[in-house]
Amino acid sequence: MAWCLLCALFLIGCRATTGASASSPSLEPSAPVRIDGGDGLGCQNAVVIHTPSDSETVDAAFGWLADRYPGYLDLGASLSPSVVGSRESRVYDLFRIELPSGERKGICFDITESWGK
């Protein structure tokens, strides 16, 4: 227990002393995540996620699901290129979820903007 406390204090101290200095290159802030579109119940009503990278898109999708379907169970997403749908030059990802009531849904996300980045 004391070891954990000591490690935590060390990490906090390191973080406090590693601030950017005048000679350090500044890091560009990442582009903001924007989500719009439909309710995701079918790819014609896809939730559109605008992010600069695949990893941010996945985080945004899980955040969107958690906000709208609290307590959902992730049954998996179609991440394989053979399963991901493409319609009208758009790329879609289908997340399968189960609600606390037992109802299952497929939520479609338009991931075109970040696909392969």
PDB file of N, CA and C in Angstrom:
ATOM      1  N   MET A   1       0.830  -1.198   0.000  1.00  0.00           N
ATOM      2  CA  MET A   1       0.000   0.000   0.000  1.00  0.00           C
ATOM      3  C   MET A   1       0.870   1.257   0.000  1.00  0.00           C
ATOM      4  N   ALA A   2       1.893   1.264   0.870  1.00  0.00           N
ATOM      5  CA  ALA A   2       2.792   2.412   0.922  1.00  0.00           C
ATOM      6  C   ALA A   2       3.536   2.557  -0.398  1.00  0.00           C
ATOM      7  N   TRP A   3       3.872   1.414  -1.030  1.00  0.00           N
ATOM      8  CA  TRP A   3       4.565   1.435  -2.314  1.00  0.00           C
ATOM      9  C   TRP A   3       3.701   2.111  -3.375  1.00  0.00           C
ATOM     10  N   CYS A   4       2.397   1.791  -3.405  1.00  0.00           N
ATOM     11  CA  CYS A   4       1.472   2.405  -4.369  1.00  0.00           C
ATOM     12  C   CYS A   4       1.392   3.913  -4.158  1.00  0.00           C
ATOM     13  N   LEU A   5       1.325   4.335  -2.906  1.00  0.00           N
ATOM     14  CA  LEU A   5       1.261   5.754  -2.588  1.00  0.00           C
ATOM     15  C   LEU A   5       2.540   6.459  -3.028  1.00  0.00           C
ATOM     16  N   LEU A   6       3.667   5.825  -2.781  1.00  0.00           N
ATOM     17  CA  LEU A   6       4.943   6.393  -3.183  1.00  0.00           C
ATOM     18  C   LEU A   6       5.028   6.527  -4.703  1.00  0.00           C
ATOM     19  N   CYS A   7       4.591   5.509  -5.423  1.00  0.00           N
ATOM     20  CA  CYS A   7       4.596   5.557  -6.894  1.00  0.00           C
ATOM     21  C   CYS A   7       3.681   6.660  -7.406  1.00  0.00           C
ATOM     22  N   ALA A   8       2.509   6.788  -6.814  1.00  0.00           N
ATOM     23  CA  ALA A   8       1.567   7.825  -7.233  1.00  0.00           C
ATOM     24  C   ALA A   8       2.152   9.214  -7.019  1.00  0.00           C
ATOM     25  N   LEU A   9       2.777   9.438  -5.865  1.00  0.00           N
ATOM     26  CA  LEU A   9       3.394  10.739  -5.591  1.00  0.00           C
ATOM     27  C   LEU A   9       4.528  11.016  -6.568  1.00  0.00           C
ATOM     28  N   PHE A  10       5.311   9.995  -6.898  1.00  0.00           N
ATOM     29  CA  PHE A  10       6.396  10.152  -7.858  1.00  0.00           C
ATOM     30  C   PHE A  10       5.854  10.562  -9.224  1.00  0.00           C
ATOM     31  N   LEU A  11       4.801   9.886  -9.675  1.00  0.00           N
ATOM     32  CA  LEU A  11       4.219  10.195 -10.984  1.00  0.00           C
ATOM     33  C   LEU A  11       3.624  11.599 -11.017  1.00  0.00           C
ATOM     34  N   ILE A  12       2.984  11.998  -9.934  1.00  0.00           N
ATOM     35  CA  ILE A  12       2.428  13.353  -9.858  1.00  0.00           C
ATOM     36  C   ILE A  12       3.555  14.372  -9.913  1.00  0.00           C
ATOM     37  N   GLY A  13       4.635  14.122  -9.195  1.00  0.00           N
ATOM     38  CA  GLY A  13       5.783  15.028  -9.210  1.00  0.00           C
ATOM     39  C   GLY A  13       6.415  15.116 -10.586  1.00  0.00           C
ATOM     40  N   CYS A  14       6.534  13.991 -11.283  1.00  0.00           N
ATOM     41  CA  CYS A  14       7.099  13.989 -12.636  1.00  0.00           C
ATOM     42  C   CYS A  14       6.223  14.783 -13.578  1.00  0.00           C
ATOM     43  N   ARG A  15       4.938  14.603 -13.474  1.00  0.00           N
ATOM     44  CA  ARG A  15       4.009  15.316 -14.352  1.00  0.00           C
ATOM     45  C   ARG A  15       4.096  16.822 -14.116  1.00  0.00           C
ATOM     46  N   ALA A  16       4.237  17.223 -12.853  1.00  0.00           N
ATOM     47  CA  ALA A  16       4.290  18.649 -12.518  1.00  0.00           C
ATOM     48  C   ALA A  16       5.568  19.299 -13.027  1.00  0.00           C
ATOM     49  N   THR A  17       6.638  18.524 -13.170  1.00  0.00           N
ATOM     50  CA  THR A  17       7.915  19.113 -13.581  1.00  0.00           C
ATOM     51  C   THR A  17       8.195  18.965 -15.066  1.00  0.00           C
ATOM     52  N   THR A  18       7.267  18.376 -15.837  1.00  0.00           N
ATOM     53  CA  THR A  18       7.529  18.176 -17.262  1.00  0.00           C
ATOM     54  C   THR A  18       6.726  19.126 -18.120  1.00  0.00           C
ATOM     55  N   GLY A  19       6.380  20.273 -17.607  1.00  0.00           N
ATOM     56  CA  GLY A  19       5.642  21.260 -18.400  1.00  0.00           C
ATOM     57  C   GLY A  19       6.484  21.759 -19.548  1.00  0.00           C
ATOM     58  N   ALA A  20       5.840  22.307 -20.582  1.00  0.00           N
ATOM     59  CA  ALA A  20       6.556  22.802 -21.754  1.00  0.00           C
ATOM     60  C   ALA A  20       7.351  24.040 -21.381  1.00  0.00           C
ATOM     61  N   SER A  21       8.554  24.116 -21.903  1.00  0.00           N
ATOM     62  CA  SER A  21       9.374  25.306 -21.689  1.00  0.00           C
ATOM     63  C   SER A  21       9.384  26.112 -22.969  1.00  0.00           C
ATOM     64  N   ALA A  22       9.986  27.301 -22.913  1.00  0.00           N
ATOM     65  CA  ALA A  22      10.032  28.166 -24.084  1.00  0.00           C
ATOM     66  C   ALA A  22      10.784  27.505 -25.226  1.00  0.00           C
ATOM     67  N   SER A  23      11.749  26.624 -24.923  1.00  0.00           N
ATOM     68  CA  SER A  23      12.525  25.987 -25.975  1.00  0.00           C
ATOM     69  C   SER A  23      11.891  24.694 -26.480  1.00  0.00           C
ATOM     70  N   SER A  24      10.841  24.200 -25.817  1.00  0.00           N
ATOM     71  CA  SER A  24      10.178  22.971 -26.239  1.00  0.00           C
ATOM     72  C   SER A  24       9.263  23.254 -27.414  1.00  0.00           C
ATOM     73  N   PRO A  25       9.237  22.346 -28.389  1.00  0.00           N
ATOM     74  CA  PRO A  25       8.296  22.541 -29.483  1.00  0.00           C
ATOM     75  C   PRO A  25       6.869  22.377 -28.962  1.00  0.00           C
ATOM     76  N   SER A  26       5.977  23.184 -29.454  1.00  0.00           N
ATOM     77  CA  SER A  26       4.590  23.069 -29.003  1.00  0.00           C
ATOM     78  C   SER A  26       3.898  21.982 -29.800  1.00  0.00           C
ATOM     79  N   LEU A  27       3.012  21.283 -29.144  1.00  0.00           N
ATOM     80  CA  LEU A  27       2.241  20.244 -29.799  1.00  0.00           C
ATOM     81  C   LEU A  27       0.921  20.823 -30.265  1.00  0.00           C
ATOM     82  N   GLU A  28       0.542  20.476 -31.479  1.00  0.00           N
ATOM     83  CA  GLU A  28      -0.747  20.913 -32.002  1.00  0.00           C
ATOM     84  C   GLU A  28      -1.851  20.179 -31.255  1.00  0.00           C
ATOM     85  N   PRO A  29      -2.884  20.878 -30.813  1.00  0.00           N
ATOM     86  CA  PRO A  29      -4.002  20.170 -30.201  1.00  0.00           C
ATOM     87  C   PRO A  29      -4.715  19.354 -31.264  1.00  0.00           C
ATOM     88  N   SER A  30      -5.228  18.201 -30.876  1.00  0.00           N
ATOM     89  CA  SER A  30      -5.929  17.373 -31.854  1.00  0.00           C
ATOM     90  C   SER A  30      -7.242  18.040 -32.250  1.00  0.00           C
ATOM     91  N   ALA A  31      -7.679  17.723 -33.448  1.00  0.00           N
ATOM     92  CA  ALA A  31      -8.919  18.294 -33.953  1.00  0.00           C
ATOM     93  C   ALA A  31     -10.071  17.833 -33.068  1.00  0.00           C
ATOM     94  N   PRO A  32     -11.062  18.685 -32.867  1.00  0.00           N
ATOM     95  CA  PRO A  32     -12.188  18.283 -32.034  1.00  0.00           C
ATOM     96  C   PRO A  32     -12.999  17.179 -32.701  1.00  0.00           C
ATOM     97  N   VAL A  33     -13.558  16.329 -31.881  1.00  0.00           N
ATOM     98  CA  VAL A  33     -14.434  15.268 -32.370  1.00  0.00           C
ATOM     99  C   VAL A  33     -15.815  15.866 -32.582  1.00  0.00           C
ATOM    100  N   ARG A  34     -16.397  15.566 -33.737  1.00  0.00           N
ATOM    101  CA  ARG A  34     -17.752  16.044 -34.020  1.00  0.00           C
ATOM    102  C   ARG A  34     -18.594  14.854 -34.432  1.00  0.00           C
ATOM    103  N   ILE A  35     -19.783  14.757 -33.861  1.00  0.00           N
ATOM    104  CA  ILE A  35     -20.697  13.664 -34.168  1.00  0.00           C
ATOM    105  C   ILE A  35     -22.024  14.268 -34.599  1.00  0.00           C
ATOM    106  N   ASP A  36     -22.505  13.810 -35.752  1.00  0.00           N
ATOM    107  CA  ASP A  36     -23.826  14.254 -36.208  1.00  0.00           C
ATOM    108  C   ASP A  36     -24.478  13.115 -36.981  1.00  0.00           C
ATOM    109  N   GLY A  37     -25.481  13.413 -37.753  1.00  0.00           N
ATOM    110  CA  GLY A  37     -26.175  12.378 -38.506  1.00  0.00           C
ATOM    111  C   GLY A  37     -27.423  11.915 -37.783  1.00  0.00           C
ATOM    112  N   GLY A  38     -27.761  10.659 -37.996  1.00  0.00           N
ATOM    113  CA  GLY A  38     -29.001  10.113 -37.459  1.00  0.00           C
ATOM    114  C   GLY A  38     -28.827   9.355 -36.165  1.00  0.00           C
ATOM    115  N   ASP A  39     -29.786   8.434 -35.935  1.00  0.00           N
ATOM    116  CA  ASP A  39     -29.796   7.657 -34.692  1.00  0.00           C
ATOM    117  C   ASP A  39     -29.023   6.342 -34.803  1.00  0.00           C
ATOM    118  N   GLY A  40     -28.525   6.038 -36.005  1.00  0.00           N
ATOM    119  CA  GLY A  40     -27.726   4.837 -36.192  1.00  0.00           C
ATOM    120  C   GLY A  40     -28.517   3.566 -36.404  1.00  0.00           C
ATOM    121  N   LEU A  41     -29.847   3.665 -36.371  1.00  0.00           N
ATOM    122  CA  LEU A  41     -30.676   2.475 -36.560  1.00  0.00           C
ATOM    123  C   LEU A  41     -30.851   2.217 -38.054  1.00  0.00           C
ATOM    124  N   GLY A  42     -29.784   1.722 -38.655  1.00  0.00           N
ATOM    125  CA  GLY A  42     -29.711   1.501 -40.093  1.00  0.00           C
ATOM    126  C   GLY A  42     -28.709   2.469 -40.691  1.00  0.00           C
ATOM    127  N   CYS A  43     -28.007   2.012 -41.720  1.00  0.00           N
ATOM    128  CA  CYS A  43     -26.948   2.850 -42.277  1.00  0.00           C
ATOM    129  C   CYS A  43     -27.486   4.049 -43.046  1.00  0.00           C
ATOM    130  N   GLN A  44     -28.753   4.031 -43.440  1.00  0.00           N
ATOM    131  CA  GLN A  44     -29.351   5.223 -44.037  1.00  0.00           C
ATOM    132  C   GLN A  44     -29.539   6.320 -43.000  1.00  0.00           C
ATOM    133  N   ASN A  45     -29.487   5.972 -41.714  1.00  0.00           N
ATOM    134  CA  ASN A  45     -29.575   6.924 -40.597  1.00  0.00           C
ATOM    135  C   ASN A  45     -28.327   6.840 -39.728  1.00  0.00           C
ATOM    136  N   ALA A  46     -27.185   6.633 -40.353  1.00  0.00           N
ATOM    137  CA  ALA A  46     -25.941   6.409 -39.616  1.00  0.00           C
ATOM    138  C   ALA A  46     -25.554   7.598 -38.750  1.00  0.00           C
ATOM    139  N   VAL A  47     -24.906   7.289 -37.643  1.00  0.00           N
ATOM    140  CA  VAL A  47     -24.268   8.293 -36.806  1.00  0.00           C
ATOM    141  C   VAL A  47     -22.949   8.614 -37.511  1.00  0.00           C
ATOM    142  N   VAL A  48     -22.729   9.877 -37.848  1.00  0.00           N
ATOM    143  CA  VAL A  48     -21.525  10.274 -38.578  1.00  0.00           C
ATOM    144  C   VAL A  48     -20.505  10.807 -37.579  1.00  0.00           C
ATOM    145  N   ILE A  49     -19.318  10.178 -37.586  1.00  0.00           N
ATOM    146  CA  ILE A  49     -18.254  10.574 -36.664  1.00  0.00           C
ATOM    147  C   ILE A  49     -17.144  11.241 -37.462  1.00  0.00           C
ATOM    148  N   HIS A  50     -16.808  12.466 -37.064  1.00  0.00           N
ATOM    149  CA  HIS A  50     -15.747  13.237 -37.706  1.00  0.00           C
ATOM    150  C   HIS A  50     -14.556  13.315 -36.747  1.00  0.00           C
ATOM    151  N   THR A  51     -13.523  12.544 -37.027  1.00  0.00           N
ATOM    152  CA  THR A  51     -12.295  12.568 -36.243  1.00  0.00           C
ATOM    153  C   THR A  51     -11.111  12.367 -37.189  1.00  0.00           C
ATOM    154  N   PRO A  52      -9.904  12.724 -36.743  1.00  0.00           N
ATOM    155  CA  PRO A  52      -8.740  12.565 -37.612  1.00  0.00           C
ATOM    156  C   PRO A  52      -8.108  11.168 -37.588  1.00  0.00           C
ATOM    157  N   SER A  53      -8.556  10.260 -36.713  1.00  0.00           N
ATOM    158  CA  SER A  53      -7.908   8.950 -36.639  1.00  0.00           C
ATOM    159  C   SER A  53      -8.898   7.856 -36.262  1.00  0.00           C
ATOM    160  N   ASP A  54      -8.535   6.619 -36.642  1.00  0.00           N
ATOM    161  CA  ASP A  54      -9.366   5.463 -36.307  1.00  0.00           C
ATOM    162  C   ASP A  54      -9.575   5.322 -34.802  1.00  0.00           C
ATOM    163  N   SER A  55      -8.497   5.496 -34.032  1.00  0.00           N
ATOM    164  CA  SER A  55      -8.612   5.281 -32.582  1.00  0.00           C
ATOM    165  C   SER A  55      -9.571   6.287 -31.946  1.00  0.00           C
ATOM    166  N   GLU A  56      -9.523   7.534 -32.404  1.00  0.00           N
ATOM    167  CA  GLU A  56     -10.455   8.533 -31.872  1.00  0.00           C
ATOM    168  C   GLU A  56     -11.892   8.229 -32.300  1.00  0.00           C
ATOM    169  N   THR A  57     -12.051   7.661 -33.484  1.00  0.00           N
ATOM    170  CA  THR A  57     -13.384   7.288 -33.957  1.00  0.00           C
ATOM    171  C   THR A  57     -13.976   6.196 -33.083  1.00  0.00           C
ATOM    172  N   VAL A  58     -13.173   5.189 -32.757  1.00  0.00           N
ATOM    173  CA  VAL A  58     -13.641   4.099 -31.896  1.00  0.00           C
ATOM    174  C   VAL A  58     -14.027   4.648 -30.522  1.00  0.00           C
ATOM    175  N   ASP A  59     -13.186   5.503 -29.941  1.00  0.00           N
ATOM    176  CA  ASP A  59     -13.496   6.108 -28.644  1.00  0.00           C
ATOM    177  C   ASP A  59     -14.801   6.910 -28.716  1.00  0.00           C
ATOM    178  N   ALA A  60     -14.974   7.674 -29.796  1.00  0.00           N
ATOM    179  CA  ALA A  60     -16.183   8.490 -29.954  1.00  0.00           C
ATOM    180  C   ALA A  60     -17.415   7.606 -30.085  1.00  0.00           C
ATOM    181  N   ALA A  61     -17.298   6.506 -30.822  1.00  0.00           N
ATOM    182  CA  ALA A  61     -18.443   5.596 -30.992  1.00  0.00           C
ATOM    183  C   ALA A  61     -18.849   4.987 -29.659  1.00  0.00           C
ATOM    184  N   PHE A  62     -17.876   4.506 -28.893  1.00  0.00           N
ATOM    185  CA  PHE A  62     -18.200   3.922 -27.590  1.00  0.00           C
ATOM    186  C   PHE A  62     -18.776   4.976 -26.639  1.00  0.00           C
ATOM    187  N   GLY A  63     -18.264   6.194 -26.695  1.00  0.00           N
ATOM    188  CA  GLY A  63     -18.814   7.267 -25.871  1.00  0.00           C
ATOM    189  C   GLY A  63     -20.248   7.591 -26.248  1.00  0.00           C
ATOM    190  N   TRP A  64     -20.515   7.639 -27.544  1.00  0.00           N
ATOM    191  CA  TRP A  64     -21.876   7.918 -28.038  1.00  0.00           C
ATOM    192  C   TRP A  64     -22.827   6.821 -27.569  1.00  0.00           C
ATOM    193  N   LEU A  65     -22.401   5.559 -27.690  1.00  0.00           N
ATOM    194  CA  LEU A  65     -23.242   4.437 -27.247  1.00  0.00           C
ATOM    195  C   LEU A  65     -23.513   4.514 -25.745  1.00  0.00           C
ATOM    196  N   ALA A  66     -22.491   4.809 -24.956  1.00  0.00           N
ATOM    197  CA  ALA A  66     -22.655   4.884 -23.498  1.00  0.00           C
ATOM    198  C   ALA A  66     -23.603   6.003 -23.098  1.00  0.00           C
ATOM    199  N   ASP A  67     -23.554   7.134 -23.816  1.00  0.00           N
ATOM    200  CA  ASP A  67     -24.456   8.256 -23.516  1.00  0.00           C
ATOM    201  C   ASP A  67     -25.905   7.920 -23.833  1.00  0.00           C
ATOM    202  N   ARG A  68     -26.135   7.227 -24.931  1.00  0.00           N
ATOM    203  CA  ARG A  68     -27.507   6.972 -25.383  1.00  0.00           C
ATOM    204  C   ARG A  68     -28.096   5.667 -24.886  1.00  0.00           C
ATOM    205  N   TYR A  69     -27.240   4.711 -24.572  1.00  0.00           N
ATOM    206  CA  TYR A  69     -27.699   3.398 -24.126  1.00  0.00           C
ATOM    207  C   TYR A  69     -26.949   2.984 -22.863  1.00  0.00           C
ATOM    208  N   PRO A  70     -27.194   3.686 -21.744  1.00  0.00           N
ATOM    209  CA  PRO A  70     -26.484   3.357 -20.497  1.00  0.00           C
ATOM    210  C   PRO A  70     -26.679   1.892 -20.126  1.00  0.00           C
ATOM    211  N   GLY A  71     -25.588   1.251 -19.751  1.00  0.00           N
ATOM    212  CA  GLY A  71     -25.650  -0.145 -19.325  1.00  0.00           C
ATOM    213  C   GLY A  71     -25.678  -1.144 -20.469  1.00  0.00           C
ATOM    214  N   TYR A  72     -25.434  -0.684 -21.684  1.00  0.00           N
ATOM    215  CA  TYR A  72     -25.470  -1.605 -22.825  1.00  0.00           C
ATOM    216  C   TYR A  72     -24.327  -2.612 -22.733  1.00  0.00           C
ATOM    217  N   LEU A  73     -24.515  -3.751 -23.385  1.00  0.00           N
ATOM    218  CA  LEU A  73     -23.491  -4.772 -23.483  1.00  0.00           C
ATOM    219  C   LEU A  73     -22.984  -4.775 -24.916  1.00  0.00           C
ATOM    220  N   ASP A  74     -21.686  -4.687 -25.086  1.00  0.00           N
ATOM    221  CA  ASP A  74     -21.071  -4.688 -26.416  1.00  0.00           C
ATOM    222  C   ASP A  74     -21.024  -6.125 -26.929  1.00  0.00           C
ATOM    223  N   LEU A  75     -21.732  -6.386 -28.013  1.00  0.00           N
ATOM    224  CA  LEU A  75     -21.732  -7.721 -28.613  1.00  0.00           C
ATOM    225  C   LEU A  75     -20.727  -7.822 -29.753  1.00  0.00           C
ATOM    226  N   GLY A  76     -20.011  -6.745 -29.988  1.00  0.00           N
ATOM    227  CA  GLY A  76     -18.983  -6.751 -31.022  1.00  0.00           C
ATOM    228  C   GLY A  76     -19.322  -5.802 -32.152  1.00  0.00           C
ATOM    229  N   ALA A  77     -18.295  -5.398 -32.851  1.00  0.00           N
ATOM    230  CA  ALA A  77     -18.451  -4.503 -33.994  1.00  0.00           C
ATOM    231  C   ALA A  77     -17.870  -5.182 -35.213  1.00  0.00           C
ATOM    232  N   SER A  78     -18.420  -4.848 -36.353  1.00  0.00           N
ATOM    233  CA  SER A  78     -17.903  -5.408 -37.595  1.00  0.00           C
ATOM    234  C   SER A  78     -16.724  -4.558 -38.042  1.00  0.00           C
ATOM    235  N   LEU A  79     -15.539  -4.961 -37.640  1.00  0.00           N
ATOM    236  CA  LEU A  79     -14.336  -4.198 -37.941  1.00  0.00           C
ATOM    237  C   LEU A  79     -13.557  -4.792 -39.117  1.00  0.00           C
ATOM    238  N   SER A  80     -13.896  -5.998 -39.501  1.00  0.00           N
ATOM    239  CA  SER A  80     -13.211  -6.647 -40.614  1.00  0.00           C
ATOM    240  C   SER A  80     -13.632  -6.003 -41.926  1.00  0.00           C
ATOM    241  N   PRO A  81     -12.677  -5.742 -42.829  1.00  0.00           N
ATOM    242  CA  PRO A  81     -13.045  -5.153 -44.120  1.00  0.00           C
ATOM    243  C   PRO A  81     -14.072  -5.983 -44.890  1.00  0.00           C
ATOM    244  N   SER A  82     -14.132  -7.270 -44.632  1.00  0.00           N
ATOM    245  CA  SER A  82     -15.115  -8.090 -45.328  1.00  0.00           C
ATOM    246  C   SER A  82     -16.527  -7.891 -44.783  1.00  0.00           C
ATOM    247  N   VAL A  83     -16.629  -7.299 -43.577  1.00  0.00           N
ATOM    248  CA  VAL A  83     -17.933  -7.095 -42.947  1.00  0.00           C
ATOM    249  C   VAL A  83     -18.352  -5.634 -42.990  1.00  0.00           C
ATOM    250  N   VAL A  84     -17.388  -4.734 -42.973  1.00  0.00           N
ATOM    251  CA  VAL A  84     -17.698  -3.308 -43.001  1.00  0.00           C
ATOM    252  C   VAL A  84     -18.406  -2.995 -44.309  1.00  0.00           C
ATOM    253  N   GLY A  85     -19.507  -2.273 -44.237  1.00  0.00           N
ATOM    254  CA  GLY A  85     -20.267  -1.965 -45.431  1.00  0.00           C
ATOM    255  C   GLY A  85     -19.791  -0.694 -46.105  1.00  0.00           C
ATOM    256  N   SER A  86     -19.972  -0.634 -47.394  1.00  0.00           N
ATOM    257  CA  SER A  86     -19.634   0.563 -48.143  1.00  0.00           C
ATOM    258  C   SER A  86     -20.798   0.853 -49.084  1.00  0.00           C
ATOM    259  N   ARG A  87     -21.322   2.068 -49.001  1.00  0.00           N
ATOM    260  CA  ARG A  87     -22.456   2.461 -49.818  1.00  0.00           C
ATOM    261  C   ARG A  87     -22.232   3.904 -50.243  1.00  0.00           C
ATOM    262  N   GLU A  88     -22.359   4.173 -51.546  1.00  0.00           N
ATOM    263  CA  GLU A  88     -22.208   5.533 -52.046  1.00  0.00           C
ATOM    264  C   GLU A  88     -20.884   6.155 -51.598  1.00  0.00           C
ATOM    265  N   SER A  89     -19.798   5.400 -51.722  1.00  0.00           N
ATOM    266  CA  SER A  89     -18.449   5.860 -51.352  1.00  0.00           C
ATOM    267  C   SER A  89     -18.332   6.237 -49.875  1.00  0.00           C
ATOM    268  N   ARG A  90     -19.141   5.667 -49.031  1.00  0.00           N
ATOM    269  CA  ARG A  90     -19.068   5.881 -47.582  1.00  0.00           C
ATOM    270  C   ARG A  90     -18.635   4.568 -46.944  1.00  0.00           C
ATOM    271  N   VAL A  91     -18.011   4.644 -45.788  1.00  0.00           N
ATOM    272  CA  VAL A  91     -17.602   3.451 -45.050  1.00  0.00           C
ATOM    273  C   VAL A  91     -18.378   3.417 -43.743  1.00  0.00           C
ATOM    274  N   TYR A  92     -18.995   2.266 -43.469  1.00  0.00           N
ATOM    275  CA  TYR A  92     -19.843   2.113 -42.285  1.00  0.00           C
ATOM    276  C   TYR A  92     -19.298   1.021 -41.382  1.00  0.00           C
ATOM    277  N   ASP A  93     -19.528   1.193 -40.095  1.00  0.00           N
ATOM    278  CA  ASP A  93     -19.157   0.210 -39.096  1.00  0.00           C
ATOM    279  C   ASP A  93     -20.397  -0.080 -38.268  1.00  0.00           C
ATOM    280  N   LEU A  94     -20.722  -1.349 -38.110  1.00  0.00           N
ATOM    281  CA  LEU A  94     -21.924  -1.732 -37.378  1.00  0.00           C
ATOM    282  C   LEU A  94     -21.546  -2.285 -36.011  1.00  0.00           C
ATOM    283  N   PHE A  95     -22.035  -1.623 -34.957  1.00  0.00           N
ATOM    284  CA  PHE A  95     -21.825  -2.083 -33.584  1.00  0.00           C
ATOM    285  C   PHE A  95     -23.085  -2.820 -33.147  1.00  0.00           C
ATOM    286  N   ARG A  96     -22.897  -4.009 -32.620  1.00  0.00           N
ATOM    287  CA  ARG A  96     -24.029  -4.787 -32.110  1.00  0.00           C
ATOM    288  C   ARG A  96     -24.029  -4.672 -30.596  1.00  0.00           C
ATOM    289  N   ILE A  97     -25.188  -4.282 -30.036  1.00  0.00           N
ATOM    290  CA  ILE A  97     -25.285  -4.086 -28.592  1.00  0.00           C
ATOM    291  C   ILE A  97     -26.523  -4.795 -28.051  1.00  0.00           C
ATOM    292  N   GLU A  98     -26.496  -5.045 -26.754  1.00  0.00           N
ATOM    293  CA  GLU A  98     -27.662  -5.569 -26.054  1.00  0.00           C
ATOM    294  C   GLU A  98     -27.967  -4.621 -24.905  1.00  0.00           C
ATOM    295  N   LEU A  99     -29.221  -4.199 -24.833  1.00  0.00           N
ATOM    296  CA  LEU A  99     -29.653  -3.282 -23.780  1.00  0.00           C
ATOM    297  C   LEU A  99     -29.926  -4.053 -22.498  1.00  0.00           C
ATOM    298  N   PRO A 100     -29.962  -3.380 -21.346  1.00  0.00           N
ATOM    299  CA  PRO A 100     -30.263  -4.059 -20.082  1.00  0.00           C
ATOM    300  C   PRO A 100     -31.591  -4.824 -20.122  1.00  0.00           C
ATOM    301  N   SER A 101     -32.523  -4.390 -20.976  1.00  0.00           N
ATOM    302  CA  SER A 101     -33.818  -5.064 -21.104  1.00  0.00           C
ATOM    303  C   SER A 101     -33.711  -6.374 -21.878  1.00  0.00           C
ATOM    304  N   GLY A 102     -32.561  -6.618 -22.510  1.00  0.00           N
ATOM    305  CA  GLY A 102     -32.378  -7.813 -23.330  1.00  0.00           C
ATOM    306  C   GLY A 102     -32.567  -7.540 -24.819  1.00  0.00           C
ATOM    307  N   GLU A 103     -33.085  -6.361 -25.156  1.00  0.00           N
ATOM    308  CA  GLU A 103     -33.275  -5.999 -26.564  1.00  0.00           C
ATOM    309  C   GLU A 103     -31.913  -5.816 -27.232  1.00  0.00           C
ATOM    310  N   ARG A 104     -31.805  -6.341 -28.448  1.00  0.00           N
ATOM    311  CA  ARG A 104     -30.558  -6.201 -29.209  1.00  0.00           C
ATOM    312  C   ARG A 104     -30.755  -5.201 -30.335  1.00  0.00           C
ATOM    313  N   LYS A 105     -29.701  -4.425 -30.588  1.00  0.00           N
ATOM    314  CA  LYS A 105     -29.739  -3.415 -31.638  1.00  0.00           C
ATOM    315  C   LYS A 105     -28.427  -3.442 -32.406  1.00  0.00           C
ATOM    316  N   GLY A 106     -28.519  -3.022 -33.655  1.00  0.00           N
ATOM    317  CA  GLY A 106     -27.330  -2.759 -34.456  1.00  0.00           C
ATOM    318  C   GLY A 106     -27.272  -1.266 -34.693  1.00  0.00           C
ATOM    319  N   ILE A 107     -26.167  -0.642 -34.337  1.00  0.00           N
ATOM    320  CA  ILE A 107     -26.010   0.803 -34.499  1.00  0.00           C
ATOM    321  C   ILE A 107     -24.936   1.037 -35.571  1.00  0.00           C
ATOM    322  N   CYS A 108     -25.323   1.770 -36.606  1.00  0.00           N
ATOM    323  CA  CYS A 108     -24.443   2.002 -37.741  1.00  0.00           C
ATOM    324  C   CYS A 108     -23.754   3.363 -37.622  1.00  0.00           C
ATOM    325  N   PHE A 109     -22.433   3.337 -37.747  1.00  0.00           N
ATOM    326  CA  PHE A 109     -21.626   4.554 -37.704  1.00  0.00           C
ATOM    327  C   PHE A 109     -20.976   4.772 -39.067  1.00  0.00           C
ATOM    328  N   ASP A 110     -21.029   5.990 -39.560  1.00  0.00           N
ATOM    329  CA  ASP A 110     -20.323   6.379 -40.779  1.00  0.00           C
ATOM    330  C   ASP A 110     -18.921   6.808 -40.336  1.00  0.00           C
ATOM    331  N   ILE A 111     -17.920   6.017 -40.719  1.00  0.00           N
ATOM    332  CA  ILE A 111     -16.543   6.259 -40.272  1.00  0.00           C
ATOM    333  C   ILE A 111     -15.646   6.677 -41.441  1.00  0.00           C
ATOM    334  N   THR A 112     -16.250   7.170 -42.501  1.00  0.00           N
ATOM    335  CA  THR A 112     -15.528   7.498 -43.732  1.00  0.00           C
ATOM    336  C   THR A 112     -14.350   8.441 -43.488  1.00  0.00           C
ATOM    337  N   GLU A 113     -14.573   9.468 -42.695  1.00  0.00           N
ATOM    338  CA  GLU A 113     -13.549  10.506 -42.522  1.00  0.00           C
ATOM    339  C   GLU A 113     -12.239   9.992 -41.954  1.00  0.00           C
ATOM    340  N   SER A 114     -12.297   9.029 -41.056  1.00  0.00           N
ATOM    341  CA  SER A 114     -11.069   8.545 -40.402  1.00  0.00           C
ATOM    342  C   SER A 114     -10.623   7.181 -40.906  1.00  0.00           C
ATOM    343  N   TRP A 115     -11.342   6.592 -41.840  1.00  0.00           N
ATOM    344  CA  TRP A 115     -11.049   5.229 -42.281  1.00  0.00           C
ATOM    345  C   TRP A 115      -9.593   5.106 -42.740  1.00  0.00           C
ATOM    346  N   GLY A 116      -8.850   4.212 -42.107  1.00  0.00           N
ATOM    347  CA  GLY A 116      -7.473   3.933 -42.482  1.00  0.00           C
ATOM    348  C   GLY A 116      -6.443   4.949 -42.007  1.00  0.00           C
ATOM    349  N   LYS A 117      -6.829   5.859 -41.135  1.00  0.00           N
ATOM    350  CA  LYS A 117      -5.876   6.877 -40.654  1.00  0.00           C
ATOM    351  C   LYS A 117      -5.383   6.545 -39.273  1.00  0.00           C
TER     352      LYS A 117
END
